[in-house]
Amino acid sequence: MATMGRAVTVRDIKPQDFIVAYAAHLKTKDNFEVPKWADIVKTGIGKELAPYDPDWYYTRAAAVLRQIYLKQGIGVGALRRIYGGSKRRGVERSTTVLGAGGCIRHVLIQFENLKYVTKDSNGGRKITKEGQTALDQIAASVANAEADE
């Protein structure tokens, strides 16, 4: 994928590979905390149960940060639409619902404390230089791992 002499960014890596690698990185980070309510909360009103994966919060955080990296100025409302889905209503037609905004807001606050994300003057959030370099380092390590295989 990556050639010698060319910098590897998040855009050059498959989304699934990057999100798994960055979620593992967040899990080892001491100053990134999972809230107490993470094991019982649903990820949206269209869901019936909480996620089965105990590390779902790290995965969602990595996915949210990747979205902010790709779409500068994206806000909580747009992220809710991305992580929303359809709600099954029995015999009635399914309807489109938004994802849980509290989870997304909590993730964004944590990334603001880490200085990876800052509020944009036009609304929404944008990635900082520290956040961009951290994400690009993880992307480079994923690319090197893929090249070694």
C-alpha atoms as a PDB file:
ATOM      1  CA  MET A   1       0.000   0.000   0.000  1.00  0.00           C
ATOM      2  CA  ALA A   2       2.559   2.565   1.092  1.00  0.00           C
ATOM      3  CA  THR A   3       5.704   3.189  -0.887  1.00  0.00           C
ATOM      4  CA  MET A   4       9.056   4.193   0.478  1.00  0.00           C
ATOM      5  CA  GLY A   5       9.521   7.922   0.966  1.00  0.00           C
ATOM      6  CA  ARG A   6       5.797   8.666   1.080  1.00  0.00           C
ATOM      7  CA  ALA A   7       4.081   9.622   4.297  1.00  0.00           C
ATOM      8  CA  VAL A   8       1.183   7.403   5.309  1.00  0.00           C
ATOM      9  CA  THR A   9      -1.999   9.066   6.550  1.00  0.00           C
ATOM     10  CA  VAL A  10      -5.307   7.779   7.849  1.00  0.00           C
ATOM     11  CA  ARG A  11      -6.783   8.088   4.349  1.00  0.00           C
ATOM     12  CA  ASP A  12      -4.315   5.477   3.036  1.00  0.00           C
ATOM     13  CA  ILE A  13      -5.374   2.750   5.471  1.00  0.00           C
ATOM     14  CA  LYS A  14      -8.483   0.573   5.409  1.00  0.00           C
ATOM     15  CA  PRO A  15     -10.974   1.972   7.927  1.00  0.00           C
ATOM     16  CA  GLN A  16     -11.460  -1.308   9.789  1.00  0.00           C
ATOM     17  CA  ASP A  17      -7.720  -1.872  10.220  1.00  0.00           C
ATOM     18  CA  PHE A  18      -7.162   1.657  11.490  1.00  0.00           C
ATOM     19  CA  ILE A  19     -10.088   1.621  13.914  1.00  0.00           C
ATOM     20  CA  VAL A  20      -9.014  -1.701  15.447  1.00  0.00           C
ATOM     21  CA  ALA A  21      -5.417  -0.482  15.847  1.00  0.00           C
ATOM     22  CA  TYR A  22      -6.380   2.881  17.315  1.00  0.00           C
ATOM     23  CA  ALA A  23      -8.912   1.300  19.688  1.00  0.00           C
ATOM     24  CA  ALA A  24      -6.136  -0.960  20.999  1.00  0.00           C
ATOM     25  CA  HIS A  25      -3.929   2.115  21.405  1.00  0.00           C
ATOM     26  CA  LEU A  26      -6.648   3.958  23.334  1.00  0.00           C
ATOM     27  CA  LYS A  27      -7.114   0.963  25.600  1.00  0.00           C
ATOM     28  CA  THR A  28      -3.484   1.230  26.748  1.00  0.00           C
ATOM     29  CA  LYS A  29      -3.698   5.003  27.248  1.00  0.00           C
ATOM     30  CA  ASP A  30      -4.048   5.954  30.918  1.00  0.00           C
ATOM     31  CA  ASN A  31      -5.713   9.345  30.472  1.00  0.00           C
ATOM     32  CA  PHE A  32      -8.566   8.015  28.294  1.00  0.00           C
ATOM     33  CA  GLU A  33     -11.311   6.835  30.638  1.00  0.00           C
ATOM     34  CA  VAL A  34     -14.362   4.733  29.928  1.00  0.00           C
ATOM     35  CA  PRO A  35     -17.415   6.087  31.789  1.00  0.00           C
ATOM     36  CA  LYS A  36     -19.135   3.974  34.427  1.00  0.00           C
ATOM     37  CA  TRP A  37     -22.335   3.832  32.392  1.00  0.00           C
ATOM     38  CA  ALA A  38     -20.664   2.361  29.291  1.00  0.00           C
ATOM     39  CA  ASP A  39     -21.632  -1.227  30.083  1.00  0.00           C
ATOM     40  CA  ILE A  40     -25.381  -0.542  30.305  1.00  0.00           C
ATOM     41  CA  VAL A  41     -26.001   2.268  27.811  1.00  0.00           C
ATOM     42  CA  LYS A  42     -27.427   1.710  24.344  1.00  0.00           C
ATOM     43  CA  THR A  43     -25.734   3.279  21.330  1.00  0.00           C
ATOM     44  CA  GLY A  44     -28.995   4.690  20.001  1.00  0.00           C
ATOM     45  CA  ILE A  45     -32.747   4.596  20.425  1.00  0.00           C
ATOM     46  CA  GLY A  46     -33.025   2.139  17.564  1.00  0.00           C
ATOM     47  CA  LYS A  47     -31.170  -0.499  19.556  1.00  0.00           C
ATOM     48  CA  GLU A  48     -32.762  -2.869  22.025  1.00  0.00           C
ATOM     49  CA  LEU A  49     -29.649  -3.836  24.007  1.00  0.00           C
ATOM     50  CA  ALA A  50     -26.245  -2.470  24.917  1.00  0.00           C
ATOM     51  CA  PRO A  51     -23.304  -3.659  22.762  1.00  0.00           C
ATOM     52  CA  TYR A  52     -21.976  -7.148  23.478  1.00  0.00           C
ATOM     53  CA  ASP A  53     -18.340  -6.159  22.994  1.00  0.00           C
ATOM     54  CA  PRO A  54     -16.890  -4.952  26.330  1.00  0.00           C
ATOM     55  CA  ASP A  55     -14.460  -2.670  24.442  1.00  0.00           C
ATOM     56  CA  TRP A  56     -17.101  -1.029  22.265  1.00  0.00           C
ATOM     57  CA  TYR A  57     -16.386   2.404  23.734  1.00  0.00           C
ATOM     58  CA  TYR A  58     -12.783   2.368  22.477  1.00  0.00           C
ATOM     59  CA  THR A  59     -13.964   1.279  19.039  1.00  0.00           C
ATOM     60  CA  ARG A  60     -16.572   4.048  18.882  1.00  0.00           C
ATOM     61  CA  ALA A  61     -14.015   6.615  20.065  1.00  0.00           C
ATOM     62  CA  ALA A  62     -11.543   5.560  17.373  1.00  0.00           C
ATOM     63  CA  ALA A  63     -14.270   5.701  14.722  1.00  0.00           C
ATOM     64  CA  VAL A  64     -15.409   9.161  15.864  1.00  0.00           C
ATOM     65  CA  LEU A  65     -11.866  10.522  15.776  1.00  0.00           C
ATOM     66  CA  ARG A  66     -11.361   9.067  12.293  1.00  0.00           C
ATOM     67  CA  GLN A  67     -14.531  10.801  11.093  1.00  0.00           C
ATOM     68  CA  ILE A  68     -13.316  14.120  12.492  1.00  0.00           C
ATOM     69  CA  TYR A  69      -9.954  13.581  10.785  1.00  0.00           C
ATOM     70  CA  LEU A  70     -11.652  12.979   7.441  1.00  0.00           C
ATOM     71  CA  LYS A  71     -14.379  15.641   7.741  1.00  0.00           C
ATOM     72  CA  GLN A  72     -13.090  18.739   9.508  1.00  0.00           C
ATOM     73  CA  GLY A  73     -15.843  20.761  11.159  1.00  0.00           C
ATOM     74  CA  ILE A  74     -18.212  17.838  11.696  1.00  0.00           C
ATOM     75  CA  GLY A  75     -20.444  18.193  14.738  1.00  0.00           C
ATOM     76  CA  VAL A  76     -22.373  15.985  17.119  1.00  0.00           C
ATOM     77  CA  GLY A  77     -25.520  16.119  14.980  1.00  0.00           C
ATOM     78  CA  ALA A  78     -23.768  14.821  11.870  1.00  0.00           C
ATOM     79  CA  LEU A  79     -22.007  12.137  13.902  1.00  0.00           C
ATOM     80  CA  ARG A  80     -25.379  11.075  15.317  1.00  0.00           C
ATOM     81  CA  ARG A  81     -26.639  10.637  11.753  1.00  0.00           C
ATOM     82  CA  ILE A  82     -23.565   8.584  10.836  1.00  0.00           C
ATOM     83  CA  TYR A  83     -23.938   6.257  13.831  1.00  0.00           C
ATOM     84  CA  GLY A  84     -27.723   6.076  13.633  1.00  0.00           C
ATOM     85  CA  GLY A  85     -29.681   3.429  11.832  1.00  0.00           C
ATOM     86  CA  SER A  86     -33.155   2.114  11.391  1.00  0.00           C
ATOM     87  CA  LYS A  87     -35.563   1.308  14.181  1.00  0.00           C
ATOM     88  CA  ARG A  88     -37.742  -1.737  13.795  1.00  0.00           C
ATOM     89  CA  ARG A  89     -41.321  -0.989  14.807  1.00  0.00           C
ATOM     90  CA  GLY A  90     -43.024  -4.346  14.490  1.00  0.00           C
ATOM     91  CA  VAL A  91     -45.660  -4.421  11.775  1.00  0.00           C
ATOM     92  CA  GLU A  92     -45.129  -0.755  10.922  1.00  0.00           C
ATOM     93  CA  ARG A  93     -42.427   0.410   8.548  1.00  0.00           C
ATOM     94  CA  SER A  94     -38.963   0.947   9.928  1.00  0.00           C
ATOM     95  CA  THR A  95     -37.886   4.524  10.534  1.00  0.00           C
ATOM     96  CA  THR A  96     -34.498   6.177  10.563  1.00  0.00           C
ATOM     97  CA  VAL A  97     -33.251   7.182  14.002  1.00  0.00           C
ATOM     98  CA  LEU A  98     -30.169   8.970  15.301  1.00  0.00           C
ATOM     99  CA  GLY A  99     -27.353   7.461  17.317  1.00  0.00           C
ATOM    100  CA  ALA A 100     -26.788   8.311  20.976  1.00  0.00           C
ATOM    101  CA  GLY A 101     -25.454  11.849  21.299  1.00  0.00           C
ATOM    102  CA  GLY A 102     -24.268  11.460  24.897  1.00  0.00           C
ATOM    103  CA  CYS A 103     -21.715   8.818  23.961  1.00  0.00           C
ATOM    104  CA  ILE A 104     -20.387  10.952  21.122  1.00  0.00           C
ATOM    105  CA  ARG A 105     -20.256  14.083  23.293  1.00  0.00           C
ATOM    106  CA  HIS A 106     -18.371  12.244  26.034  1.00  0.00           C
ATOM    107  CA  VAL A 107     -15.827  10.943  23.501  1.00  0.00           C
ATOM    108  CA  LEU A 108     -15.332  14.438  22.067  1.00  0.00           C
ATOM    109  CA  ILE A 109     -14.779  15.917  25.536  1.00  0.00           C
ATOM    110  CA  GLN A 110     -12.149  13.279  26.258  1.00  0.00           C
ATOM    111  CA  PHE A 111     -10.351  14.030  22.988  1.00  0.00           C
ATOM    112  CA  GLU A 112     -10.490  17.753  23.757  1.00  0.00           C
ATOM    113  CA  ASN A 113      -8.798  17.038  27.096  1.00  0.00           C
ATOM    114  CA  LEU A 114      -6.110  15.068  25.238  1.00  0.00           C
ATOM    115  CA  LYS A 115      -5.697  18.085  22.890  1.00  0.00           C
ATOM    116  CA  TYR A 116      -6.504  15.943  19.836  1.00  0.00           C
ATOM    117  CA  VAL A 117      -9.678  17.860  18.936  1.00  0.00           C
ATOM    118  CA  THR A 118     -10.711  21.482  19.272  1.00  0.00           C
ATOM    119  CA  LYS A 119     -13.941  23.345  18.616  1.00  0.00           C
ATOM    120  CA  ASP A 120     -14.180  24.952  15.208  1.00  0.00           C
ATOM    121  CA  SER A 121     -15.136  28.610  14.912  1.00  0.00           C
ATOM    122  CA  ASN A 122     -17.803  27.687  12.341  1.00  0.00           C
ATOM    123  CA  GLY A 123     -19.263  24.987  14.574  1.00  0.00           C
ATOM    124  CA  GLY A 124     -18.342  21.359  14.990  1.00  0.00           C
ATOM    125  CA  ARG A 125     -14.932  19.971  15.837  1.00  0.00           C
ATOM    126  CA  LYS A 126     -11.626  19.857  14.006  1.00  0.00           C
ATOM    127  CA  ILE A 127      -8.462  17.878  14.557  1.00  0.00           C
ATOM    128  CA  THR A 128      -5.398  19.581  16.044  1.00  0.00           C
ATOM    129  CA  LYS A 129      -1.804  19.148  14.905  1.00  0.00           C
ATOM    130  CA  GLU A 130      -1.103  16.867  17.893  1.00  0.00           C
ATOM    131  CA  GLY A 131      -4.121  14.752  17.020  1.00  0.00           C
ATOM    132  CA  GLN A 132      -3.167  14.552  13.369  1.00  0.00           C
ATOM    133  CA  THR A 133       0.390  13.435  14.125  1.00  0.00           C
ATOM    134  CA  ALA A 134      -0.847  10.835  16.633  1.00  0.00           C
ATOM    135  CA  LEU A 135      -3.313   9.397  14.138  1.00  0.00           C
ATOM    136  CA  ASP A 136      -0.774   9.394  11.324  1.00  0.00           C
ATOM    137  CA  GLN A 137       1.707   7.514  13.538  1.00  0.00           C
ATOM    138  CA  ILE A 138      -0.863   4.796  14.167  1.00  0.00           C
ATOM    139  CA  ALA A 139      -1.662   4.706  10.440  1.00  0.00           C
ATOM    140  CA  ALA A 140       2.035   4.317   9.630  1.00  0.00           C
ATOM    141  CA  SER A 141       2.365   1.432  12.085  1.00  0.00           C
ATOM    142  CA  VAL A 142      -0.663  -0.278  10.531  1.00  0.00           C
ATOM    143  CA  ALA A 143       0.806   0.214   7.049  1.00  0.00           C
ATOM    144  CA  ASN A 144       4.152  -1.226   8.190  1.00  0.00           C
ATOM    145  CA  ALA A 145       2.398  -4.229   9.730  1.00  0.00           C
ATOM    146  CA  GLU A 146       0.531  -4.810   6.445  1.00  0.00           C
ATOM    147  CA  ALA A 147       3.774  -4.498   4.456  1.00  0.00           C
ATOM    148  CA  ASP A 148       5.492  -7.057   6.678  1.00  0.00           C
ATOM    149  CA  GLU A 149       2.763  -9.629   6.039  1.00  0.00           C
END
